[in-house]
PDB file of N, CA and C in Angstrom:
ATOM      1  N   MET A   1      25.578 -15.996  11.949  1.00  0.00           N
ATOM      2  CA  MET A   1      24.817 -17.199  11.755  1.00  0.00           C
ATOM      3  C   MET A   1      23.423 -16.966  12.350  1.00  0.00           C
ATOM      4  N   VAL A   2      22.433 -17.543  11.701  1.00  0.00           N
ATOM      5  CA  VAL A   2      21.050 -17.378  12.156  1.00  0.00           C
ATOM      6  C   VAL A   2      20.331 -18.731  12.190  1.00  0.00           C
ATOM      7  N   TRP A   3      19.217 -18.756  12.923  1.00  0.00           N
ATOM      8  CA  TRP A   3      18.359 -19.930  12.979  1.00  0.00           C
ATOM      9  C   TRP A   3      16.989 -19.513  12.476  1.00  0.00           C
ATOM     10  N   LEU A   4      16.451 -20.250  11.489  1.00  0.00           N
ATOM     11  CA  LEU A   4      15.155 -19.940  10.907  1.00  0.00           C
ATOM     12  C   LEU A   4      14.090 -20.843  11.528  1.00  0.00           C
ATOM     13  N   HIS A   5      13.079 -20.219  12.138  1.00  0.00           N
ATOM     14  CA  HIS A   5      11.938 -20.942  12.708  1.00  0.00           C
ATOM     15  C   HIS A   5      10.828 -20.936  11.669  1.00  0.00           C
ATOM     16  N   ARG A   6      10.716 -22.001  10.906  1.00  0.00           N
ATOM     17  CA  ARG A   6       9.691 -22.081   9.852  1.00  0.00           C
ATOM     18  C   ARG A   6       8.297 -22.233  10.458  1.00  0.00           C
ATOM     19  N   GLY A   7       7.328 -21.623   9.771  1.00  0.00           N
ATOM     20  CA  GLY A   7       5.938 -21.785  10.169  1.00  0.00           C
ATOM     21  C   GLY A   7       5.501 -20.946  11.353  1.00  0.00           C
ATOM     22  N   THR A   8       6.354 -20.084  11.856  1.00  0.00           N
ATOM     23  CA  THR A   8       5.986 -19.210  12.967  1.00  0.00           C
ATOM     24  C   THR A   8       4.871 -18.266  12.528  1.00  0.00           C
ATOM     25  N   THR A   9       3.909 -18.031  13.398  1.00  0.00           N
ATOM     26  CA  THR A   9       2.809 -17.125  13.048  1.00  0.00           C
ATOM     27  C   THR A   9       2.662 -15.957  14.012  1.00  0.00           C
ATOM     28  N   ASP A  10       3.431 -15.938  15.084  1.00  0.00           N
ATOM     29  CA  ASP A  10       3.356 -14.829  16.042  1.00  0.00           C
ATOM     30  C   ASP A  10       4.526 -13.875  15.801  1.00  0.00           C
ATOM     31  N   PHE A  11       4.219 -12.745  15.199  1.00  0.00           N
ATOM     32  CA  PHE A  11       5.259 -11.789  14.840  1.00  0.00           C
ATOM     33  C   PHE A  11       5.099 -10.510  15.650  1.00  0.00           C
ATOM     34  N   ALA A  12       6.220  -9.906  15.994  1.00  0.00           N
ATOM     35  CA  ALA A  12       6.232  -8.671  16.773  1.00  0.00           C
ATOM     36  C   ALA A  12       7.146  -7.661  16.091  1.00  0.00           C
ATOM     37  N   ARG A  13       6.943  -6.412  16.425  1.00  0.00           N
ATOM     38  CA  ARG A  13       7.804  -5.348  15.910  1.00  0.00           C
ATOM     39  C   ARG A  13       9.249  -5.664  16.306  1.00  0.00           C
ATOM     40  N   GLY A  14      10.151  -5.563  15.364  1.00  0.00           N
ATOM     41  CA  GLY A  14      11.559  -5.831  15.620  1.00  0.00           C
ATOM     42  C   GLY A  14      12.000  -7.229  15.219  1.00  0.00           C
ATOM     43  N   ASP A  15      11.046  -8.133  14.993  1.00  0.00           N
ATOM     44  CA  ASP A  15      11.410  -9.496  14.572  1.00  0.00           C
ATOM     45  C   ASP A  15      12.083  -9.463  13.205  1.00  0.00           C
ATOM     46  N   LEU A  16      13.081 -10.309  13.052  1.00  0.00           N
ATOM     47  CA  LEU A  16      13.697 -10.548  11.748  1.00  0.00           C
ATOM     48  C   LEU A  16      12.958 -11.701  11.097  1.00  0.00           C
ATOM     49  N   VAL A  17      12.607 -11.539   9.808  1.00  0.00           N
ATOM     50  CA  VAL A  17      11.877 -12.586   9.099  1.00  0.00           C
ATOM     51  C   VAL A  17      12.481 -12.823   7.722  1.00  0.00           C
ATOM     52  N   VAL A  18      12.261 -14.025   7.223  1.00  0.00           N
ATOM     53  CA  VAL A  18      12.572 -14.358   5.833  1.00  0.00           C
ATOM     54  C   VAL A  18      11.229 -14.531   5.150  1.00  0.00           C
ATOM     55  N   TYR A  19      11.082 -13.894   3.984  1.00  0.00           N
ATOM     56  CA  TYR A  19       9.814 -13.983   3.258  1.00  0.00           C
ATOM     57  C   TYR A  19      10.062 -14.072   1.762  1.00  0.00           C
ATOM     58  N   ARG A  20       9.025 -14.527   1.048  1.00  0.00           N
ATOM     59  CA  ARG A  20       9.076 -14.593  -0.415  1.00  0.00           C
ATOM     60  C   ARG A  20       8.625 -13.255  -0.978  1.00  0.00           C
ATOM     61  N   TYR A  21       9.448 -12.664  -1.804  1.00  0.00           N
ATOM     62  CA  TYR A  21       9.134 -11.399  -2.446  1.00  0.00           C
ATOM     63  C   TYR A  21       8.036 -11.614  -3.486  1.00  0.00           C
ATOM     64  N   GLU A  22       6.973 -10.823  -3.422  1.00  0.00           N
ATOM     65  CA  GLU A  22       5.869 -10.928  -4.380  1.00  0.00           C
ATOM     66  C   GLU A  22       5.588  -9.591  -5.055  1.00  0.00           C
ATOM     67  N   GLY A  23       6.510  -8.639  -4.913  1.00  0.00           N
ATOM     68  CA  GLY A  23       6.322  -7.322  -5.510  1.00  0.00           C
ATOM     69  C   GLY A  23       6.662  -7.305  -6.987  1.00  0.00           C
ATOM     70  N   GLU A  24       6.740  -6.102  -7.511  1.00  0.00           N
ATOM     71  CA  GLU A  24       7.035  -5.896  -8.924  1.00  0.00           C
ATOM     72  C   GLU A  24       8.444  -6.399  -9.247  1.00  0.00           C
ATOM     73  N   GLU A  25       8.565  -7.113 -10.357  1.00  0.00           N
ATOM     74  CA  GLU A  25       9.883  -7.580 -10.785  1.00  0.00           C
ATOM     75  C   GLU A  25      10.629  -6.422 -11.432  1.00  0.00           C
ATOM     76  N   LEU A  26      11.755  -6.071 -10.876  1.00  0.00           N
ATOM     77  CA  LEU A  26      12.586  -5.019 -11.427  1.00  0.00           C
ATOM     78  C   LEU A  26      14.008  -5.241 -10.961  1.00  0.00           C
ATOM     79  N   MET A  27      14.921  -4.550 -11.607  1.00  0.00           N
ATOM     80  CA  MET A  27      16.347  -4.734 -11.353  1.00  0.00           C
ATOM     81  C   MET A  27      16.649  -6.224 -11.426  1.00  0.00           C
ATOM     82  N   HIS A  28      17.241  -6.774 -10.395  1.00  0.00           N
ATOM     83  CA  HIS A  28      17.581  -8.199 -10.325  1.00  0.00           C
ATOM     84  C   HIS A  28      16.564  -8.984  -9.486  1.00  0.00           C
ATOM     85  N   LEU A  29      15.462  -8.360  -9.107  1.00  0.00           N
ATOM     86  CA  LEU A  29      14.485  -8.973  -8.212  1.00  0.00           C
ATOM     87  C   LEU A  29      13.439  -9.769  -8.971  1.00  0.00           C
ATOM     88  N   ARG A  30      13.112 -10.948  -8.474  1.00  0.00           N
ATOM     89  CA  ARG A  30      12.126 -11.824  -9.107  1.00  0.00           C
ATOM     90  C   ARG A  30      11.123 -12.303  -8.076  1.00  0.00           C
ATOM     91  N   LYS A  31       9.892 -12.536  -8.519  1.00  0.00           N
ATOM     92  CA  LYS A  31       8.869 -13.075  -7.616  1.00  0.00           C
ATOM     93  C   LYS A  31       9.348 -14.401  -7.049  1.00  0.00           C
ATOM     94  N   GLY A  32       9.096 -14.592  -5.771  1.00  0.00           N
ATOM     95  CA  GLY A  32       9.522 -15.812  -5.099  1.00  0.00           C
ATOM     96  C   GLY A  32      10.894 -15.725  -4.469  1.00  0.00           C
ATOM     97  N   GLN A  33      11.670 -14.706  -4.836  1.00  0.00           N
ATOM     98  CA  GLN A  33      12.997 -14.531  -4.253  1.00  0.00           C
ATOM     99  C   GLN A  33      12.847 -14.324  -2.744  1.00  0.00           C
ATOM    100  N   ARG A  34      13.772 -14.861  -1.976  1.00  0.00           N
ATOM    101  CA  ARG A  34      13.708 -14.734  -0.522  1.00  0.00           C
ATOM    102  C   ARG A  34      14.417 -13.470  -0.062  1.00  0.00           C
ATOM    103  N   PHE A  35      13.736 -12.764   0.850  1.00  0.00           N
ATOM    104  CA  PHE A  35      14.288 -11.547   1.452  1.00  0.00           C
ATOM    105  C   PHE A  35      14.401 -11.758   2.959  1.00  0.00           C
ATOM    106  N   PHE A  36      15.314 -11.026   3.562  1.00  0.00           N
ATOM    107  CA  PHE A  36      15.590 -11.072   5.001  1.00  0.00           C
ATOM    108  C   PHE A  36      15.458  -9.640   5.504  1.00  0.00           C
ATOM    109  N   LYS A  37      14.409  -9.338   6.286  1.00  0.00           N
ATOM    110  CA  LYS A  37      14.150  -7.967   6.740  1.00  0.00           C
ATOM    111  C   LYS A  37      13.619  -7.983   8.170  1.00  0.00           C
ATOM    112  N   ARG A  38      13.521  -6.775   8.747  1.00  0.00           N
ATOM    113  CA  ARG A  38      12.996  -6.586  10.102  1.00  0.00           C
ATOM    114  C   ARG A  38      11.567  -6.056  10.012  1.00  0.00           C
ATOM    115  N   ILE A  39      10.673  -6.558  10.872  1.00  0.00           N
ATOM    116  CA  ILE A  39       9.306  -6.042  10.936  1.00  0.00           C
ATOM    117  C   ILE A  39       9.331  -4.715  11.686  1.00  0.00           C
ATOM    118  N   VAL A  40       8.852  -3.672  11.007  1.00  0.00           N
ATOM    119  CA  VAL A  40       8.819  -2.325  11.578  1.00  0.00           C
ATOM    120  C   VAL A  40       7.380  -1.886  11.848  1.00  0.00           C
ATOM    121  N   GLY A  41       6.433  -2.376  11.048  1.00  0.00           N
ATOM    122  CA  GLY A  41       5.034  -1.995  11.205  1.00  0.00           C
ATOM    123  C   GLY A  41       4.126  -3.204  11.265  1.00  0.00           C
ATOM    124  N   LEU A  42       3.126  -3.132  12.150  1.00  0.00           N
ATOM    125  CA  LEU A  42       2.189  -4.227  12.382  1.00  0.00           C
ATOM    126  C   LEU A  42       0.788  -3.850  11.914  1.00  0.00           C
ATOM    127  N   PRO A  43      -0.099  -4.837  11.770  1.00  0.00           N
ATOM    128  CA  PRO A  43      -1.482  -4.521  11.409  1.00  0.00           C
ATOM    129  C   PRO A  43      -2.064  -3.489  12.381  1.00  0.00           C
ATOM    130  N   GLY A  44      -2.732  -2.485  11.810  1.00  0.00           N
ATOM    131  CA  GLY A  44      -3.310  -1.411  12.615  1.00  0.00           C
ATOM    132  C   GLY A  44      -2.429  -0.193  12.742  1.00  0.00           C
ATOM    133  N   ASP A  45      -1.129  -0.324  12.445  1.00  0.00           N
ATOM    134  CA  ASP A  45      -0.224   0.830  12.483  1.00  0.00           C
ATOM    135  C   ASP A  45      -0.542   1.756  11.311  1.00  0.00           C
ATOM    136  N   ARG A  46      -0.271   3.048  11.501  1.00  0.00           N
ATOM    137  CA  ARG A  46      -0.532   4.043  10.463  1.00  0.00           C
ATOM    138  C   ARG A  46       0.768   4.424   9.753  1.00  0.00           C
ATOM    139  N   ILE A  47       0.720   4.344   8.423  1.00  0.00           N
ATOM    140  CA  ILE A  47       1.853   4.768   7.594  1.00  0.00           C
ATOM    141  C   ILE A  47       1.522   6.131   7.019  1.00  0.00           C
ATOM    142  N   SER A  48       2.466   7.051   7.135  1.00  0.00           N
ATOM    143  CA  SER A  48       2.305   8.357   6.498  1.00  0.00           C
ATOM    144  C   SER A  48       3.580   8.657   5.719  1.00  0.00           C
ATOM    145  N   VAL A  49       3.427   9.498   4.714  1.00  0.00           N
ATOM    146  CA  VAL A  49       4.560   9.872   3.874  1.00  0.00           C
ATOM    147  C   VAL A  49       4.561  11.389   3.762  1.00  0.00           C
ATOM    148  N   GLU A  50       5.661  12.005   4.145  1.00  0.00           N
ATOM    149  CA  GLU A  50       5.841  13.452   4.057  1.00  0.00           C
ATOM    150  C   GLU A  50       6.970  13.702   3.072  1.00  0.00           C
ATOM    151  N   ASP A  51       6.595  14.204   1.895  1.00  0.00           N
ATOM    152  CA  ASP A  51       7.506  14.294   0.758  1.00  0.00           C
ATOM    153  C   ASP A  51       7.895  12.855   0.435  1.00  0.00           C
ATOM    154  N   ARG A  52       9.097  12.416   0.708  1.00  0.00           N
ATOM    155  CA  ARG A  52       9.473  11.015   0.482  1.00  0.00           C
ATOM    156  C   ARG A  52       9.923  10.359   1.795  1.00  0.00           C
ATOM    157  N   ARG A  53       9.708  11.055   2.898  1.00  0.00           N
ATOM    158  CA  ARG A  53      10.041  10.519   4.219  1.00  0.00           C
ATOM    159  C   ARG A  53       8.873   9.663   4.700  1.00  0.00           C
ATOM    160  N   VAL A  54       9.180   8.409   5.067  1.00  0.00           N
ATOM    161  CA  VAL A  54       8.147   7.458   5.479  1.00  0.00           C
ATOM    162  C   VAL A  54       8.134   7.377   7.009  1.00  0.00           C
ATOM    163  N   LEU A  55       6.924   7.393   7.569  1.00  0.00           N
ATOM    164  CA  LEU A  55       6.749   7.310   9.014  1.00  0.00           C
ATOM    165  C   LEU A  55       5.771   6.184   9.349  1.00  0.00           C
ATOM    166  N   VAL A  56       6.063   5.456  10.415  1.00  0.00           N
ATOM    167  CA  VAL A  56       5.160   4.437  10.930  1.00  0.00           C
ATOM    168  C   VAL A  56       4.749   4.901  12.326  1.00  0.00           C
ATOM    169  N   ASN A  57       3.449   5.157  12.499  1.00  0.00           N
ATOM    170  CA  ASN A  57       2.926   5.699  13.765  1.00  0.00           C
ATOM    171  C   ASN A  57       3.658   6.965  14.177  1.00  0.00           C
ATOM    172  N   GLY A  58       4.006   7.792  13.195  1.00  0.00           N
ATOM    173  CA  GLY A  58       4.675   9.060  13.473  1.00  0.00           C
ATOM    174  C   GLY A  58       6.175   8.967  13.665  1.00  0.00           C
ATOM    175  N   THR A  59       6.723   7.761  13.660  1.00  0.00           N
ATOM    176  CA  THR A  59       8.170   7.575  13.818  1.00  0.00           C
ATOM    177  C   THR A  59       8.824   7.476  12.448  1.00  0.00           C
ATOM    178  N   ASP A  60       9.811   8.306  12.224  1.00  0.00           N
ATOM    179  CA  ASP A  60      10.550   8.328  10.965  1.00  0.00           C
ATOM    180  C   ASP A  60      11.296   7.012  10.786  1.00  0.00           C
ATOM    181  N   VAL A  61      11.024   6.312   9.677  1.00  0.00           N
ATOM    182  CA  VAL A  61      11.716   5.051   9.411  1.00  0.00           C
ATOM    183  C   VAL A  61      12.614   5.133   8.181  1.00  0.00           C
ATOM    184  N   GLY A  62      12.668   6.303   7.546  1.00  0.00           N
ATOM    185  CA  GLY A  62      13.589   6.462   6.432  1.00  0.00           C
ATOM    186  C   GLY A  62      12.999   7.185   5.248  1.00  0.00           C
ATOM    187  N   ILE A  63      13.862   7.444   4.298  1.00  0.00           N
ATOM    188  CA  ILE A  63      13.475   8.144   3.079  1.00  0.00           C
ATOM    189  C   ILE A  63      13.376   7.142   1.936  1.00  0.00           C
ATOM    190  N   ALA A  64      12.313   7.258   1.159  1.00  0.00           N
ATOM    191  CA  ALA A  64      12.162   6.445  -0.047  1.00  0.00           C
ATOM    192  C   ALA A  64      12.948   7.133  -1.166  1.00  0.00           C
ATOM    193  N   LYS A  65      13.954   6.471  -1.650  1.00  0.00           N
ATOM    194  CA  LYS A  65      14.762   7.022  -2.746  1.00  0.00           C
ATOM    195  C   LYS A  65      13.899   7.213  -3.990  1.00  0.00           C
ATOM    196  N   GLN A  66      14.298   8.109  -4.877  1.00  0.00           N
ATOM    197  CA  GLN A  66      13.512   8.391  -6.080  1.00  0.00           C
ATOM    198  C   GLN A  66      13.759   7.391  -7.197  1.00  0.00           C
ATOM    199  N   TYR A  67      14.973   6.805  -7.246  1.00  0.00           N
ATOM    200  CA  TYR A  67      15.344   5.938  -8.365  1.00  0.00           C
ATOM    201  C   TYR A  67      16.137   4.730  -7.877  1.00  0.00           C
ATOM    202  N   THR A  68      16.027   3.630  -8.624  1.00  0.00           N
ATOM    203  CA  THR A  68      16.889   2.478  -8.380  1.00  0.00           C
ATOM    204  C   THR A  68      18.300   2.846  -8.835  1.00  0.00           C
ATOM    205  N   LEU A  69      19.260   2.003  -8.532  1.00  0.00           N
ATOM    206  CA  LEU A  69      20.628   2.242  -8.996  1.00  0.00           C
ATOM    207  C   LEU A  69      20.711   2.209 -10.522  1.00  0.00           C
ATOM    208  N   GLU A  70      19.734   1.524 -11.158  1.00  0.00           N
ATOM    209  CA  GLU A  70      19.685   1.446 -12.622  1.00  0.00           C
ATOM    210  C   GLU A  70      18.882   2.592 -13.241  1.00  0.00           C
ATOM    211  N   GLY A  71      18.330   3.484 -12.406  1.00  0.00           N
ATOM    212  CA  GLY A  71      17.623   4.652 -12.923  1.00  0.00           C
ATOM    213  C   GLY A  71      16.118   4.505 -13.076  1.00  0.00           C
ATOM    214  N   LYS A  72      15.527   3.378 -12.634  1.00  0.00           N
ATOM    215  CA  LYS A  72      14.069   3.219 -12.692  1.00  0.00           C
ATOM    216  C   LYS A  72      13.437   3.997 -11.547  1.00  0.00           C
ATOM    217  N   ARG A  73      12.388   4.755 -11.857  1.00  0.00           N
ATOM    218  CA  ARG A  73      11.705   5.574 -10.854  1.00  0.00           C
ATOM    219  C   ARG A  73      11.016   4.689  -9.816  1.00  0.00           C
ATOM    220  N   LEU A  74      11.114   5.079  -8.552  1.00  0.00           N
ATOM    221  CA  LEU A  74      10.473   4.391  -7.443  1.00  0.00           C
ATOM    222  C   LEU A  74       9.461   5.328  -6.784  1.00  0.00           C
ATOM    223  N   GLU A  75       8.354   4.769  -6.331  1.00  0.00           N
ATOM    224  CA  GLU A  75       7.323   5.544  -5.638  1.00  0.00           C
ATOM    225  C   GLU A  75       7.254   5.100  -4.179  1.00  0.00           C
ATOM    226  N   PRO A  76       7.064   6.060  -3.253  1.00  0.00           N
ATOM    227  CA  PRO A  76       6.907   5.668  -1.850  1.00  0.00           C
ATOM    228  C   PRO A  76       5.592   4.918  -1.641  1.00  0.00           C
ATOM    229  N   LEU A  77       5.554   4.141  -0.575  1.00  0.00           N
ATOM    230  CA  LEU A  77       4.366   3.380  -0.213  1.00  0.00           C
ATOM    231  C   LEU A  77       3.172   4.318  -0.034  1.00  0.00           C
ATOM    232  N   VAL A  78       1.992   3.851  -0.375  1.00  0.00           N
ATOM    233  CA  VAL A  78       0.773   4.640  -0.213  1.00  0.00           C
ATOM    234  C   VAL A  78       0.466   4.762   1.284  1.00  0.00           C
ATOM    235  N   PRO A  79       0.207   5.980   1.779  1.00  0.00           N
ATOM    236  CA  PRO A  79      -0.129   6.156   3.195  1.00  0.00           C
ATOM    237  C   PRO A  79      -1.433   5.439   3.549  1.00  0.00           C
ATOM    238  N   GLY A  80      -1.575   5.077   4.816  1.00  0.00           N
ATOM    239  CA  GLY A  80      -2.799   4.445   5.292  1.00  0.00           C
ATOM    240  C   GLY A  80      -2.511   3.541   6.475  1.00  0.00           C
ATOM    241  N   VAL A  81      -3.505   2.752   6.844  1.00  0.00           N
ATOM    242  CA  VAL A  81      -3.391   1.825   7.966  1.00  0.00           C
ATOM    243  C   VAL A  81      -2.996   0.451   7.423  1.00  0.00           C
ATOM    244  N   ILE A  82      -2.044  -0.185   8.092  1.00  0.00           N
ATOM    245  CA  ILE A  82      -1.613  -1.522   7.679  1.00  0.00           C
ATOM    246  C   ILE A  82      -2.759  -2.500   7.954  1.00  0.00           C
ATOM    247  N   PRO A  83      -3.223  -3.211   6.909  1.00  0.00           N
ATOM    248  CA  PRO A  83      -4.349  -4.135   7.083  1.00  0.00           C
ATOM    249  C   PRO A  83      -3.975  -5.385   7.896  1.00  0.00           C
ATOM    250  N   LEU A  84      -5.000  -6.081   8.349  1.00  0.00           N
ATOM    251  CA  LEU A  84      -4.831  -7.340   9.063  1.00  0.00           C
ATOM    252  C   LEU A  84      -4.000  -8.306   8.211  1.00  0.00           C
ATOM    253  N   ASP A  85      -3.090  -9.015   8.847  1.00  0.00           N
ATOM    254  CA  ASP A  85      -2.233 -10.027   8.210  1.00  0.00           C
ATOM    255  C   ASP A  85      -1.152  -9.443   7.300  1.00  0.00           C
ATOM    256  N   TYR A  86      -0.896  -8.143   7.363  1.00  0.00           N
ATOM    257  CA  TYR A  86       0.175  -7.519   6.592  1.00  0.00           C
ATOM    258  C   TYR A  86       1.178  -6.881   7.538  1.00  0.00           C
ATOM    259  N   PHE A  87       2.427  -6.752   7.040  1.00  0.00           N
ATOM    260  CA  PHE A  87       3.497  -6.179   7.835  1.00  0.00           C
ATOM    261  C   PHE A  87       4.316  -5.217   6.979  1.00  0.00           C
ATOM    262  N   TYR A  88       4.808  -4.173   7.626  1.00  0.00           N
ATOM    263  CA  TYR A  88       5.754  -3.265   7.004  1.00  0.00           C
ATOM    264  C   TYR A  88       7.126  -3.789   7.399  1.00  0.00           C
ATOM    265  N   VAL A  89       7.959  -4.132   6.409  1.00  0.00           N
ATOM    266  CA  VAL A  89       9.298  -4.660   6.682  1.00  0.00           C
ATOM    267  C   VAL A  89      10.344  -3.715   6.108  1.00  0.00           C
ATOM    268  N   GLN A  90      11.515  -3.711   6.743  1.00  0.00           N
ATOM    269  CA  GLN A  90      12.563  -2.810   6.285  1.00  0.00           C
ATOM    270  C   GLN A  90      13.928  -3.424   6.536  1.00  0.00           C
ATOM    271  N   GLY A  91      14.831  -3.171   5.600  1.00  0.00           N
ATOM    272  CA  GLY A  91      16.213  -3.613   5.754  1.00  0.00           C
ATOM    273  C   GLY A  91      16.972  -2.662   6.659  1.00  0.00           C
ATOM    274  N   THR A  92      18.189  -3.040   6.990  1.00  0.00           N
ATOM    275  CA  THR A  92      18.993  -2.215   7.888  1.00  0.00           C
ATOM    276  C   THR A  92      19.814  -1.168   7.149  1.00  0.00           C
ATOM    277  N   HIS A  93      19.908  -1.284   5.835  1.00  0.00           N
ATOM    278  CA  HIS A  93      20.690  -0.337   5.042  1.00  0.00           C
ATOM    279  C   HIS A  93      19.766   0.655   4.356  1.00  0.00           C
ATOM    280  N   GLU A  94      20.191   1.893   4.250  1.00  0.00           N
ATOM    281  CA  GLU A  94      19.345   2.932   3.633  1.00  0.00           C
ATOM    282  C   GLU A  94      19.016   2.641   2.175  1.00  0.00           C
ATOM    283  N   MET A  95      19.809   1.811   1.500  1.00  0.00           N
ATOM    284  CA  MET A  95      19.552   1.468   0.101  1.00  0.00           C
ATOM    285  C   MET A  95      18.715   0.189  -0.038  1.00  0.00           C
ATOM    286  N   SER A  96      18.270  -0.363   1.075  1.00  0.00           N
ATOM    287  CA  SER A  96      17.477  -1.590   1.037  1.00  0.00           C
ATOM    288  C   SER A  96      16.183  -1.367   0.264  1.00  0.00           C
ATOM    289  N   PHE A  97      15.792  -2.355  -0.520  1.00  0.00           N
ATOM    290  CA  PHE A  97      14.516  -2.316  -1.250  1.00  0.00           C
ATOM    291  C   PHE A  97      13.504  -3.016  -0.353  1.00  0.00           C
ATOM    292  N   ASP A  98      12.576  -2.257   0.219  1.00  0.00           N
ATOM    293  CA  ASP A  98      11.692  -2.788   1.248  1.00  0.00           C
ATOM    294  C   ASP A  98      10.327  -2.121   1.179  1.00  0.00           C
ATOM    295  N   SER A  99       9.578  -2.155   2.267  1.00  0.00           N
ATOM    296  CA  SER A  99       8.207  -1.636   2.269  1.00  0.00           C
ATOM    297  C   SER A  99       8.117  -0.127   2.105  1.00  0.00           C
ATOM    298  N   ARG A 100       9.213   0.592   2.129  1.00  0.00           N
ATOM    299  CA  ARG A 100       9.154   2.035   1.847  1.00  0.00           C
ATOM    300  C   ARG A 100       8.642   2.295   0.441  1.00  0.00           C
ATOM    301  N   TYR A 101       8.755   1.302  -0.426  1.00  0.00           N
ATOM    302  CA  TYR A 101       8.454   1.479  -1.842  1.00  0.00           C
ATOM    303  C   TYR A 101       7.174   0.771  -2.260  1.00  0.00           C
ATOM    304  N   ARG A 102       6.372   1.450  -3.033  1.00  0.00           N
ATOM    305  CA  ARG A 102       5.125   0.900  -3.562  1.00  0.00           C
ATOM    306  C   ARG A 102       5.406  -0.357  -4.382  1.00  0.00           C
ATOM    307  N   GLU A 103       6.527  -0.383  -5.087  1.00  0.00           N
ATOM    308  CA  GLU A 103       6.878  -1.518  -5.948  1.00  0.00           C
ATOM    309  C   GLU A 103       7.142  -2.788  -5.140  1.00  0.00           C
ATOM    310  N   SER A 104       7.512  -2.640  -3.892  1.00  0.00           N
ATOM    311  CA  SER A 104       7.732  -3.789  -3.008  1.00  0.00           C
ATOM    312  C   SER A 104       6.514  -4.006  -2.125  1.00  0.00           C
ATOM    313  N   GLY A 105       6.106  -2.964  -1.427  1.00  0.00           N
ATOM    314  CA  GLY A 105       4.874  -2.985  -0.645  1.00  0.00           C
ATOM    315  C   GLY A 105       4.950  -3.713   0.677  1.00  0.00           C
ATOM    316  N   LEU A 106       3.773  -3.857   1.260  1.00  0.00           N
ATOM    317  CA  LEU A 106       3.643  -4.570   2.523  1.00  0.00           C
ATOM    318  C   LEU A 106       3.767  -6.075   2.272  1.00  0.00           C
ATOM    319  N   VAL A 107       4.117  -6.806   3.318  1.00  0.00           N
ATOM    320  CA  VAL A 107       4.296  -8.253   3.210  1.00  0.00           C
ATOM    321  C   VAL A 107       3.122  -8.946   3.893  1.00  0.00           C
ATOM    322  N   HIS A 108       2.458  -9.842   3.176  1.00  0.00           N
ATOM    323  CA  HIS A 108       1.357 -10.627   3.742  1.00  0.00           C
ATOM    324  C   HIS A 108       1.933 -11.773   4.561  1.00  0.00           C
ATOM    325  N   ALA A 109       1.238 -12.139   5.620  1.00  0.00           N
ATOM    326  CA  ALA A 109       1.694 -13.220   6.505  1.00  0.00           C
ATOM    327  C   ALA A 109       1.975 -14.509   5.738  1.00  0.00           C
ATOM    328  N   SER A 110       1.211 -14.759   4.673  1.00  0.00           N
ATOM    329  CA  SER A 110       1.412 -15.993   3.895  1.00  0.00           C
ATOM    330  C   SER A 110       2.741 -16.010   3.141  1.00  0.00           C
ATOM    331  N   GLN A 111       3.367 -14.851   2.947  1.00  0.00           N
ATOM    332  CA  GLN A 111       4.666 -14.773   2.278  1.00  0.00           C
ATOM    333  C   GLN A 111       5.818 -15.110   3.217  1.00  0.00           C
ATOM    334  N   ILE A 112       5.574 -15.002   4.528  1.00  0.00           N
ATOM    335  CA  ILE A 112       6.649 -15.181   5.503  1.00  0.00           C
ATOM    336  C   ILE A 112       6.953 -16.663   5.679  1.00  0.00           C
ATOM    337  N   ILE A 113       8.219 -16.995   5.472  1.00  0.00           N
ATOM    338  CA  ILE A 113       8.691 -18.373   5.595  1.00  0.00           C
ATOM    339  C   ILE A 113       8.961 -18.694   7.065  1.00  0.00           C
ATOM    340  N   GLY A 114       9.498 -17.713   7.798  1.00  0.00           N
ATOM    341  CA  GLY A 114       9.768 -17.941   9.208  1.00  0.00           C
ATOM    342  C   GLY A 114      10.449 -16.773   9.864  1.00  0.00           C
ATOM    343  N   LYS A 115      10.530 -16.871  11.175  1.00  0.00           N
ATOM    344  CA  LYS A 115      11.199 -15.862  11.994  1.00  0.00           C
ATOM    345  C   LYS A 115      12.632 -16.301  12.212  1.00  0.00           C
ATOM    346  N   VAL A 116      13.536 -15.333  12.331  1.00  0.00           N
ATOM    347  CA  VAL A 116      14.965 -15.607  12.426  1.00  0.00           C
ATOM    348  C   VAL A 116      15.495 -15.184  13.794  1.00  0.00           C
ATOM    349  N   ASP A 117      16.285 -16.052  14.396  1.00  0.00           N
ATOM    350  CA  ASP A 117      17.040 -15.714  15.605  1.00  0.00           C
ATOM    351  C   ASP A 117      18.505 -15.635  15.217  1.00  0.00           C
ATOM    352  N   VAL A 118      19.157 -14.548  15.605  1.00  0.00           N
ATOM    353  CA  VAL A 118      20.598 -14.399  15.351  1.00  0.00           C
ATOM    354  C   VAL A 118      21.348 -15.172  16.422  1.00  0.00           C
ATOM    355  N   ILE A 119      22.195 -16.085  15.973  1.00  0.00           N
ATOM    356  CA  ILE A 119      22.977 -16.903  16.917  1.00  0.00           C
ATOM    357  C   ILE A 119      24.292 -16.185  17.247  1.00  0.00           C
ATOM    358  N   PHE A 120      24.961 -15.700  16.242  1.00  0.00           N
ATOM    359  CA  PHE A 120      26.173 -14.870  16.416  1.00  0.00           C
ATOM    360  C   PHE A 120      26.465 -14.143  15.145  1.00  0.00           C
TER     361      PHE A 120
END
């Protein structure tokens, strides 16, 4: 069970957030769909990609898979510095569709519905 704090604007690395997906529509994903992910990268952090391995500030955060389960090609996120008001978010499962992928991308603060506290 979780508690959603709507309208929160102070986010830190490790926070769980619910946000509206605004990336490319593919598979079963639609714009506006709500996602639940952990903030891994903050504004000013550096994203690098080595082959398909994604790193945030030099820390390995996972591999960007080449294809969706339906066979659509996926591209890793473009390397660079996370801009102001954007966050790198990631799911806890290796198959999670998250900021590792260009098709999903970084999450803007305006997309975030709120921060989540796990109750149990």
